């Protein structure tokens, strides 16, 4: 249930990959070597800008109970609350040196109709509320995001193929003007490329690589502006004896890159 919910909530965020049950291999990883705070990509050395580790805890049914993320000396913790196996609430706690780790920064409430998510209500520490409503059509899923004053902030519409995979996403503002369009490309059921266009011009490309068991091990993303910028991320995974994900360590790179050094097919 939690994987389905996260899949719906992050329609255009591009980080949703289902992990199928199979034997995990410690040798199934990216080819690049991370050493002394650097990584070499296609013969060019880049500094590692940040390292993030996320740890998971589960209940007896395999539902995520807690997710703790550590990055740059700060921590966030999300605890998940279920009712009859369905996620109904999660609470975000932060420890950033300003607020105590025991303070709830954000609470999300989940609402369903006929086993489908129809609304998320988010409440901040200060009491501000924002609502996202979900609706479903023939091979479409739509999210309407509202501001705290009840006005529409933006609308996301996802178009799905017959297997339920997102093949196109459209982001519009409150007035219905298209802000950007995203197309998604798959290989053997895995998302390998996403292209973001604005006014017919490509502004971002997202490229994904996987190991032989379907874990995403690398992202290679190009942002197109006055200069090209490379955003890369590498993922290391650890699993428990039940093949449930225990920790994910993420290494991130951000650097200008010349067009000649961009991988073929990545812009």
C-alpha atoms as a PDB file:
ATOM      1  CA  UNK A   1       0.000   0.000   0.000  1.00  0.00           C
ATOM      2  CA  UNK A   2       2.778   2.477   0.891  1.00  0.00           C
ATOM      3  CA  UNK A   3       4.527   1.939  -2.458  1.00  0.00           C
ATOM      4  CA  UNK A   4       1.300   2.634  -4.356  1.00  0.00           C
ATOM      5  CA  UNK A   5       0.659   5.804  -2.325  1.00  0.00           C
ATOM      6  CA  UNK A   6       4.137   7.144  -2.889  1.00  0.00           C
ATOM      7  CA  UNK A   7       3.812   6.347  -6.606  1.00  0.00           C
ATOM      8  CA  UNK A   8       0.640   8.437  -6.884  1.00  0.00           C
ATOM      9  CA  UNK A   9       1.900  11.324  -4.769  1.00  0.00           C
ATOM     10  CA  UNK A  10       5.110  11.749  -6.779  1.00  0.00           C
ATOM     11  CA  UNK A  11       3.562  11.639 -10.231  1.00  0.00           C
ATOM     12  CA  UNK A  12       6.131  14.069 -11.718  1.00  0.00           C
ATOM     13  CA  UNK A  13       9.013  13.841  -9.340  1.00  0.00           C
ATOM     14  CA  UNK A  14      10.535  10.953 -11.307  1.00  0.00           C
ATOM     15  CA  UNK A  15      12.045   9.083  -8.378  1.00  0.00           C
ATOM     16  CA  UNK A  16       9.465   6.191  -8.210  1.00  0.00           C
ATOM     17  CA  UNK A  17      10.796   2.678  -8.974  1.00  0.00           C
ATOM     18  CA  UNK A  18       9.121  -0.518  -7.759  1.00  0.00           C
ATOM     19  CA  UNK A  19      11.553  -2.983  -6.164  1.00  0.00           C
ATOM     20  CA  UNK A  20      10.592  -6.546  -7.030  1.00  0.00           C
ATOM     21  CA  UNK A  21      11.367  -9.426  -4.747  1.00  0.00           C
ATOM     22  CA  UNK A  22      14.512 -11.298  -5.754  1.00  0.00           C
ATOM     23  CA  UNK A  23      17.917 -12.183  -4.401  1.00  0.00           C
ATOM     24  CA  UNK A  24      20.027  -9.053  -3.831  1.00  0.00           C
ATOM     25  CA  UNK A  25      23.662  -9.053  -4.860  1.00  0.00           C
ATOM     26  CA  UNK A  26      26.268  -6.808  -3.257  1.00  0.00           C
ATOM     27  CA  UNK A  27      28.135  -6.784  -6.585  1.00  0.00           C
ATOM     28  CA  UNK A  28      25.244  -5.134  -8.423  1.00  0.00           C
ATOM     29  CA  UNK A  29      26.298  -1.485  -8.327  1.00  0.00           C
ATOM     30  CA  UNK A  30      27.485   1.404 -10.474  1.00  0.00           C
ATOM     31  CA  UNK A  31      30.859   1.227 -12.199  1.00  0.00           C
ATOM     32  CA  UNK A  32      32.132   4.608 -11.024  1.00  0.00           C
ATOM     33  CA  UNK A  33      34.450   4.684  -8.001  1.00  0.00           C
ATOM     34  CA  UNK A  34      33.806   7.211  -5.237  1.00  0.00           C
ATOM     35  CA  UNK A  35      36.994   8.009  -3.348  1.00  0.00           C
ATOM     36  CA  UNK A  36      38.316  10.924  -1.284  1.00  0.00           C
ATOM     37  CA  UNK A  37      35.181  12.972  -1.902  1.00  0.00           C
ATOM     38  CA  UNK A  38      35.420  12.686  -5.680  1.00  0.00           C
ATOM     39  CA  UNK A  39      33.980  10.565  -8.468  1.00  0.00           C
ATOM     40  CA  UNK A  40      35.116  10.122 -12.055  1.00  0.00           C
ATOM     41  CA  UNK A  41      32.367  10.228 -14.675  1.00  0.00           C
ATOM     42  CA  UNK A  42      33.362   9.563 -18.287  1.00  0.00           C
ATOM     43  CA  UNK A  43      36.991  10.369 -17.515  1.00  0.00           C
ATOM     44  CA  UNK A  44      36.271  13.649 -15.723  1.00  0.00           C
ATOM     45  CA  UNK A  45      36.690  14.021 -11.949  1.00  0.00           C
ATOM     46  CA  UNK A  46      33.906  15.745 -10.015  1.00  0.00           C
ATOM     47  CA  UNK A  47      33.592  16.707  -6.358  1.00  0.00           C
ATOM     48  CA  UNK A  48      30.904  14.981  -4.302  1.00  0.00           C
ATOM     49  CA  UNK A  49      28.706  17.871  -3.153  1.00  0.00           C
ATOM     50  CA  UNK A  50      26.662  15.996  -0.569  1.00  0.00           C
ATOM     51  CA  UNK A  51      26.150  12.587   0.993  1.00  0.00           C
ATOM     52  CA  UNK A  52      22.729  11.594   2.301  1.00  0.00           C
ATOM     53  CA  UNK A  53      21.799   8.432   4.163  1.00  0.00           C
ATOM     54  CA  UNK A  54      18.237   7.252   4.651  1.00  0.00           C
ATOM     55  CA  UNK A  55      17.364   4.413   7.040  1.00  0.00           C
ATOM     56  CA  UNK A  56      14.053   2.520   7.174  1.00  0.00           C
ATOM     57  CA  UNK A  57      12.171   0.566   9.820  1.00  0.00           C
ATOM     58  CA  UNK A  58       9.201  -1.715   9.148  1.00  0.00           C
ATOM     59  CA  UNK A  59       6.303  -3.365  10.918  1.00  0.00           C
ATOM     60  CA  UNK A  60       5.622  -7.101  10.739  1.00  0.00           C
ATOM     61  CA  UNK A  61       3.647  -6.618   7.524  1.00  0.00           C
ATOM     62  CA  UNK A  62       6.499  -4.886   5.710  1.00  0.00           C
ATOM     63  CA  UNK A  63       4.962  -1.413   5.950  1.00  0.00           C
ATOM     64  CA  UNK A  64       7.418   1.424   6.539  1.00  0.00           C
ATOM     65  CA  UNK A  65       7.111   2.689  10.106  1.00  0.00           C
ATOM     66  CA  UNK A  66       9.963   5.175  10.126  1.00  0.00           C
ATOM     67  CA  UNK A  67      12.330   6.848   7.700  1.00  0.00           C
ATOM     68  CA  UNK A  68      15.319   8.797   9.008  1.00  0.00           C
ATOM     69  CA  UNK A  69      17.396  10.913   6.629  1.00  0.00           C
ATOM     70  CA  UNK A  70      20.765  12.367   7.593  1.00  0.00           C
ATOM     71  CA  UNK A  71      22.420  15.018   5.449  1.00  0.00           C
ATOM     72  CA  UNK A  72      25.048  17.668   6.180  1.00  0.00           C
ATOM     73  CA  UNK A  73      24.721  17.226   9.927  1.00  0.00           C
ATOM     74  CA  UNK A  74      20.933  17.596  10.073  1.00  0.00           C
ATOM     75  CA  UNK A  75      18.300  14.896  10.428  1.00  0.00           C
ATOM     76  CA  UNK A  76      14.704  14.482   9.456  1.00  0.00           C
ATOM     77  CA  UNK A  77      12.491  11.666  10.626  1.00  0.00           C
ATOM     78  CA  UNK A  78       9.156  10.619   9.180  1.00  0.00           C
ATOM     79  CA  UNK A  79       6.910   8.255  11.073  1.00  0.00           C
ATOM     80  CA  UNK A  80       4.038   6.514   9.300  1.00  0.00           C
ATOM     81  CA  UNK A  81       0.679   5.607  10.825  1.00  0.00           C
ATOM     82  CA  UNK A  82      -1.609   2.958   9.347  1.00  0.00           C
ATOM     83  CA  UNK A  83      -5.192   1.858   9.791  1.00  0.00           C
ATOM     84  CA  UNK A  84      -6.207  -1.547   8.450  1.00  0.00           C
ATOM     85  CA  UNK A  85      -2.988  -1.649   6.443  1.00  0.00           C
ATOM     86  CA  UNK A  86      -3.623   1.729   4.828  1.00  0.00           C
ATOM     87  CA  UNK A  87      -1.466   4.799   5.381  1.00  0.00           C
ATOM     88  CA  UNK A  88      -3.567   7.489   7.039  1.00  0.00           C
ATOM     89  CA  UNK A  89      -0.964   9.882   8.437  1.00  0.00           C
ATOM     90  CA  UNK A  90       2.719  10.682   8.421  1.00  0.00           C
ATOM     91  CA  UNK A  91       4.636  13.091  10.626  1.00  0.00           C
ATOM     92  CA  UNK A  92       7.852  14.847   9.719  1.00  0.00           C
ATOM     93  CA  UNK A  93      10.249  15.720  12.535  1.00  0.00           C
ATOM     94  CA  UNK A  94      13.326  17.838  11.933  1.00  0.00           C
ATOM     95  CA  UNK A  95      16.516  18.564  13.830  1.00  0.00           C
ATOM     96  CA  UNK A  96      18.166  21.461  12.057  1.00  0.00           C
ATOM     97  CA  UNK A  97      19.635  23.296  15.027  1.00  0.00           C
ATOM     98  CA  UNK A  98      16.594  25.570  15.267  1.00  0.00           C
ATOM     99  CA  UNK A  99      13.827  23.177  16.231  1.00  0.00           C
ATOM    100  CA  UNK A 100      14.040  20.175  18.496  1.00  0.00           C
ATOM    101  CA  UNK A 101      14.028  16.763  16.869  1.00  0.00           C
ATOM    102  CA  UNK A 102      10.878  16.069  18.863  1.00  0.00           C
ATOM    103  CA  UNK A 103       8.968  18.893  17.154  1.00  0.00           C
ATOM    104  CA  UNK A 104       6.591  17.934  14.361  1.00  0.00           C
ATOM    105  CA  UNK A 105       7.401  20.084  11.331  1.00  0.00           C
ATOM    106  CA  UNK A 106       4.725  18.780   8.998  1.00  0.00           C
ATOM    107  CA  UNK A 107       1.803  16.377   9.299  1.00  0.00           C
ATOM    108  CA  UNK A 108       0.068  14.814   6.313  1.00  0.00           C
ATOM    109  CA  UNK A 109      -3.378  13.232   6.463  1.00  0.00           C
ATOM    110  CA  UNK A 110      -4.447  10.798   3.730  1.00  0.00           C
ATOM    111  CA  UNK A 111      -8.057  10.286   2.595  1.00  0.00           C
ATOM    112  CA  UNK A 112      -9.449   7.532   0.381  1.00  0.00           C
ATOM    113  CA  UNK A 113     -12.519   6.536  -1.571  1.00  0.00           C
ATOM    114  CA  UNK A 114     -12.893   2.964  -2.837  1.00  0.00           C
ATOM    115  CA  UNK A 115      -9.249   2.257  -1.943  1.00  0.00           C
ATOM    116  CA  UNK A 116      -8.016   5.175  -4.035  1.00  0.00           C
ATOM    117  CA  UNK A 117      -6.224   8.176  -2.620  1.00  0.00           C
ATOM    118  CA  UNK A 118      -8.393  11.264  -3.160  1.00  0.00           C
ATOM    119  CA  UNK A 119      -6.866  13.894  -0.891  1.00  0.00           C
ATOM    120  CA  UNK A 120      -3.808  14.766   1.159  1.00  0.00           C
ATOM    121  CA  UNK A 121      -4.091  17.510   3.752  1.00  0.00           C
ATOM    122  CA  UNK A 122      -0.749  18.903   4.934  1.00  0.00           C
ATOM    123  CA  UNK A 123      -0.459  20.930   8.143  1.00  0.00           C
ATOM    124  CA  UNK A 124       2.717  22.781   9.094  1.00  0.00           C
ATOM    125  CA  UNK A 125       4.045  23.468  12.574  1.00  0.00           C
ATOM    126  CA  UNK A 126       2.640  26.998  12.287  1.00  0.00           C
ATOM    127  CA  UNK A 127      -0.828  25.658  11.480  1.00  0.00           C
ATOM    128  CA  UNK A 128      -0.861  26.489   7.774  1.00  0.00           C
ATOM    129  CA  UNK A 129      -2.747  23.973   5.660  1.00  0.00           C
ATOM    130  CA  UNK A 130      -2.370  22.944   2.047  1.00  0.00           C
ATOM    131  CA  UNK A 131      -4.503  20.404   0.223  1.00  0.00           C
ATOM    132  CA  UNK A 132      -3.857  18.202  -2.786  1.00  0.00           C
ATOM    133  CA  UNK A 133      -6.825  16.507  -4.428  1.00  0.00           C
ATOM    134  CA  UNK A 134      -6.578  13.474  -6.719  1.00  0.00           C
ATOM    135  CA  UNK A 135      -8.893  12.357  -9.492  1.00  0.00           C
ATOM    136  CA  UNK A 136      -8.723   9.508 -11.981  1.00  0.00           C
ATOM    137  CA  UNK A 137      -9.867   8.966 -15.546  1.00  0.00           C
ATOM    138  CA  UNK A 138      -9.162   6.558 -18.358  1.00  0.00           C
ATOM    139  CA  UNK A 139      -5.374   6.228 -18.187  1.00  0.00           C
ATOM    140  CA  UNK A 140      -5.062   9.601 -16.453  1.00  0.00           C
ATOM    141  CA  UNK A 141      -4.335  10.773 -12.926  1.00  0.00           C
ATOM    142  CA  UNK A 142      -4.721  14.418 -11.918  1.00  0.00           C
ATOM    143  CA  UNK A 143      -3.464  16.284  -8.876  1.00  0.00           C
ATOM    144  CA  UNK A 144      -4.826  19.720  -7.993  1.00  0.00           C
ATOM    145  CA  UNK A 145      -2.617  21.526  -5.483  1.00  0.00           C
ATOM    146  CA  UNK A 146      -4.168  24.258  -3.347  1.00  0.00           C
ATOM    147  CA  UNK A 147      -2.505  27.062  -1.411  1.00  0.00           C
ATOM    148  CA  UNK A 148      -3.217  27.642   2.264  1.00  0.00           C
ATOM    149  CA  UNK A 149      -5.843  30.263   1.317  1.00  0.00           C
ATOM    150  CA  UNK A 150      -7.736  27.710  -0.756  1.00  0.00           C
ATOM    151  CA  UNK A 151      -6.684  29.029  -4.160  1.00  0.00           C
ATOM    152  CA  UNK A 152      -5.259  26.698  -6.786  1.00  0.00           C
ATOM    153  CA  UNK A 153      -1.476  26.676  -6.906  1.00  0.00           C
ATOM    154  CA  UNK A 154      -0.900  24.331  -9.848  1.00  0.00           C
ATOM    155  CA  UNK A 155      -2.287  21.203 -11.506  1.00  0.00           C
ATOM    156  CA  UNK A 156      -0.408  18.052 -12.497  1.00  0.00           C
ATOM    157  CA  UNK A 157      -1.878  15.616 -15.001  1.00  0.00           C
ATOM    158  CA  UNK A 158      -0.265  12.264 -15.732  1.00  0.00           C
ATOM    159  CA  UNK A 159      -1.076  10.150 -18.783  1.00  0.00           C
ATOM    160  CA  UNK A 160      -0.553   6.409 -18.327  1.00  0.00           C
ATOM    161  CA  UNK A 161      -0.102   3.506 -20.691  1.00  0.00           C
ATOM    162  CA  UNK A 162      -2.108   0.301 -20.400  1.00  0.00           C
ATOM    163  CA  UNK A 163       0.415  -1.055 -17.882  1.00  0.00           C
ATOM    164  CA  UNK A 164      -0.087   1.925 -15.578  1.00  0.00           C
ATOM    165  CA  UNK A 165       3.273   3.556 -16.316  1.00  0.00           C
ATOM    166  CA  UNK A 166       3.374   7.327 -16.721  1.00  0.00           C
ATOM    167  CA  UNK A 167       4.278   8.261 -20.301  1.00  0.00           C
ATOM    168  CA  UNK A 168       3.517  11.981 -20.209  1.00  0.00           C
ATOM    169  CA  UNK A 169       2.997  14.644 -17.561  1.00  0.00           C
ATOM    170  CA  UNK A 170       1.635  18.161 -17.944  1.00  0.00           C
ATOM    171  CA  UNK A 171       2.053  20.898 -15.340  1.00  0.00           C
ATOM    172  CA  UNK A 172      -0.345  23.848 -15.557  1.00  0.00           C
ATOM    173  CA  UNK A 173      -0.815  26.965 -13.472  1.00  0.00           C
ATOM    174  CA  UNK A 174      -4.021  28.115 -11.805  1.00  0.00           C
ATOM    175  CA  UNK A 175      -5.193  29.720 -15.041  1.00  0.00           C
ATOM    176  CA  UNK A 176      -4.676  26.598 -17.107  1.00  0.00           C
ATOM    177  CA  UNK A 177      -1.505  27.760 -18.861  1.00  0.00           C
ATOM    178  CA  UNK A 178       0.987  24.965 -19.480  1.00  0.00           C
ATOM    179  CA  UNK A 179       4.130  25.480 -17.400  1.00  0.00           C
ATOM    180  CA  UNK A 180       6.003  22.443 -18.667  1.00  0.00           C
ATOM    181  CA  UNK A 181       5.495  19.065 -20.301  1.00  0.00           C
ATOM    182  CA  UNK A 182       7.356  15.882 -19.416  1.00  0.00           C
ATOM    183  CA  UNK A 183       7.740  12.703 -21.425  1.00  0.00           C
ATOM    184  CA  UNK A 184       8.870   9.412 -19.903  1.00  0.00           C
ATOM    185  CA  UNK A 185      10.713   6.595 -21.663  1.00  0.00           C
ATOM    186  CA  UNK A 186      11.107   3.006 -20.450  1.00  0.00           C
ATOM    187  CA  UNK A 187      13.271  -0.006 -21.176  1.00  0.00           C
ATOM    188  CA  UNK A 188      12.145  -3.420 -19.932  1.00  0.00           C
ATOM    189  CA  UNK A 189       9.626  -1.700 -17.679  1.00  0.00           C
ATOM    190  CA  UNK A 190      12.180   0.611 -16.029  1.00  0.00           C
ATOM    191  CA  UNK A 191      12.184   4.386 -16.412  1.00  0.00           C
ATOM    192  CA  UNK A 192      15.396   5.290 -18.257  1.00  0.00           C
ATOM    193  CA  UNK A 193      14.776   8.829 -19.482  1.00  0.00           C
ATOM    194  CA  UNK A 194      12.524  11.804 -18.798  1.00  0.00           C
ATOM    195  CA  UNK A 195      12.524  15.020 -20.820  1.00  0.00           C
ATOM    196  CA  UNK A 196      11.149  18.339 -19.570  1.00  0.00           C
ATOM    197  CA  UNK A 197      10.070  20.920 -22.144  1.00  0.00           C
ATOM    198  CA  UNK A 198       8.865  24.474 -21.715  1.00  0.00           C
ATOM    199  CA  UNK A 199       7.414  26.338 -24.702  1.00  0.00           C
ATOM    200  CA  UNK A 200       8.785  23.615 -26.950  1.00  0.00           C
ATOM    201  CA  UNK A 201      12.339  23.978 -25.626  1.00  0.00           C
ATOM    202  CA  UNK A 202      14.041  21.204 -23.650  1.00  0.00           C
ATOM    203  CA  UNK A 203      15.056  22.558 -20.234  1.00  0.00           C
ATOM    204  CA  UNK A 204      15.980  19.378 -18.362  1.00  0.00           C
ATOM    205  CA  UNK A 205      16.729  15.747 -19.092  1.00  0.00           C
ATOM    206  CA  UNK A 206      16.778  12.970 -16.516  1.00  0.00           C
ATOM    207  CA  UNK A 207      18.597   9.701 -17.272  1.00  0.00           C
ATOM    208  CA  UNK A 208      18.487   6.631 -15.032  1.00  0.00           C
ATOM    209  CA  UNK A 209      20.654   3.526 -14.785  1.00  0.00           C
ATOM    210  CA  UNK A 210      19.895   0.284 -12.939  1.00  0.00           C
ATOM    211  CA  UNK A 211      21.712  -2.781 -11.760  1.00  0.00           C
ATOM    212  CA  UNK A 212      20.714  -6.272 -12.878  1.00  0.00           C
ATOM    213  CA  UNK A 213      18.080  -6.598 -10.159  1.00  0.00           C
ATOM    214  CA  UNK A 214      16.219  -3.383 -10.970  1.00  0.00           C
ATOM    215  CA  UNK A 215      17.626  -1.024  -8.329  1.00  0.00           C
ATOM    216  CA  UNK A 216      18.260   2.518  -9.537  1.00  0.00           C
ATOM    217  CA  UNK A 217      21.992   3.022  -9.077  1.00  0.00           C
ATOM    218  CA  UNK A 218      22.648   6.265 -10.927  1.00  0.00           C
ATOM    219  CA  UNK A 219      20.935   9.405 -12.191  1.00  0.00           C
ATOM    220  CA  UNK A 220      22.583  11.536 -14.856  1.00  0.00           C
ATOM    221  CA  UNK A 221      20.635  14.748 -15.278  1.00  0.00           C
ATOM    222  CA  UNK A 222      21.329  17.763 -17.479  1.00  0.00           C
ATOM    223  CA  UNK A 223      19.742  21.163 -16.805  1.00  0.00           C
ATOM    224  CA  UNK A 224      19.794  23.422 -19.869  1.00  0.00           C
ATOM    225  CA  UNK A 225      20.172  27.170 -19.352  1.00  0.00           C
ATOM    226  CA  UNK A 226      22.843  29.685 -20.343  1.00  0.00           C
ATOM    227  CA  UNK A 227      25.272  26.934 -19.364  1.00  0.00           C
ATOM    228  CA  UNK A 228      24.708  23.194 -19.059  1.00  0.00           C
ATOM    229  CA  UNK A 229      24.707  21.854 -15.505  1.00  0.00           C
ATOM    230  CA  UNK A 230      25.246  18.219 -14.581  1.00  0.00           C
ATOM    231  CA  UNK A 231      23.355  16.796 -11.624  1.00  0.00           C
ATOM    232  CA  UNK A 232      24.404  13.221 -10.902  1.00  0.00           C
ATOM    233  CA  UNK A 233      23.491  10.897  -8.056  1.00  0.00           C
ATOM    234  CA  UNK A 234      24.786   7.461  -7.076  1.00  0.00           C
ATOM    235  CA  UNK A 235      22.890   5.062  -4.814  1.00  0.00           C
ATOM    236  CA  UNK A 236      24.159   2.342  -2.481  1.00  0.00           C
ATOM    237  CA  UNK A 237      21.579  -0.039  -0.958  1.00  0.00           C
ATOM    238  CA  UNK A 238      21.521  -2.374   2.029  1.00  0.00           C
ATOM    239  CA  UNK A 239      18.762  -4.921   2.716  1.00  0.00           C
ATOM    240  CA  UNK A 240      17.724  -7.061   5.667  1.00  0.00           C
ATOM    241  CA  UNK A 241      17.127 -10.810   5.677  1.00  0.00           C
ATOM    242  CA  UNK A 242      13.558 -10.225   4.462  1.00  0.00           C
ATOM    243  CA  UNK A 243      14.888  -8.355   1.409  1.00  0.00           C
ATOM    244  CA  UNK A 244      13.451  -5.098   2.724  1.00  0.00           C
ATOM    245  CA  UNK A 245      15.420  -1.935   2.111  1.00  0.00           C
ATOM    246  CA  UNK A 246      17.280  -0.879   5.271  1.00  0.00           C
ATOM    247  CA  UNK A 247      19.513   1.982   4.143  1.00  0.00           C
ATOM    248  CA  UNK A 248      20.125   4.052   1.041  1.00  0.00           C
ATOM    249  CA  UNK A 249      23.279   6.146   0.763  1.00  0.00           C
ATOM    250  CA  UNK A 250      23.146   8.833  -1.920  1.00  0.00           C
ATOM    251  CA  UNK A 251      26.175  10.676  -3.312  1.00  0.00           C
ATOM    252  CA  UNK A 252      25.389  13.818  -5.316  1.00  0.00           C
ATOM    253  CA  UNK A 253      27.360  15.790  -7.877  1.00  0.00           C
ATOM    254  CA  UNK A 254      26.536  19.255  -9.225  1.00  0.00           C
ATOM    255  CA  UNK A 255      28.825  20.903 -11.737  1.00  0.00           C
ATOM    256  CA  UNK A 256      28.865  22.903 -14.968  1.00  0.00           C
ATOM    257  CA  UNK A 257      29.566  20.674 -17.951  1.00  0.00           C
ATOM    258  CA  UNK A 258      30.510  21.497 -21.525  1.00  0.00           C
ATOM    259  CA  UNK A 259      28.272  20.192 -24.274  1.00  0.00           C
ATOM    260  CA  UNK A 260      31.067  18.028 -25.702  1.00  0.00           C
ATOM    261  CA  UNK A 261      31.317  16.127 -22.403  1.00  0.00           C
ATOM    262  CA  UNK A 262      27.603  15.359 -22.115  1.00  0.00           C
ATOM    263  CA  UNK A 263      26.758  11.737 -22.791  1.00  0.00           C
ATOM    264  CA  UNK A 264      25.225  10.950 -26.147  1.00  0.00           C
ATOM    265  CA  UNK A 265      21.442  11.073 -26.050  1.00  0.00           C
ATOM    266  CA  UNK A 266      21.320  12.979 -22.755  1.00  0.00           C
ATOM    267  CA  UNK A 267      20.185  16.321 -24.201  1.00  0.00           C
END
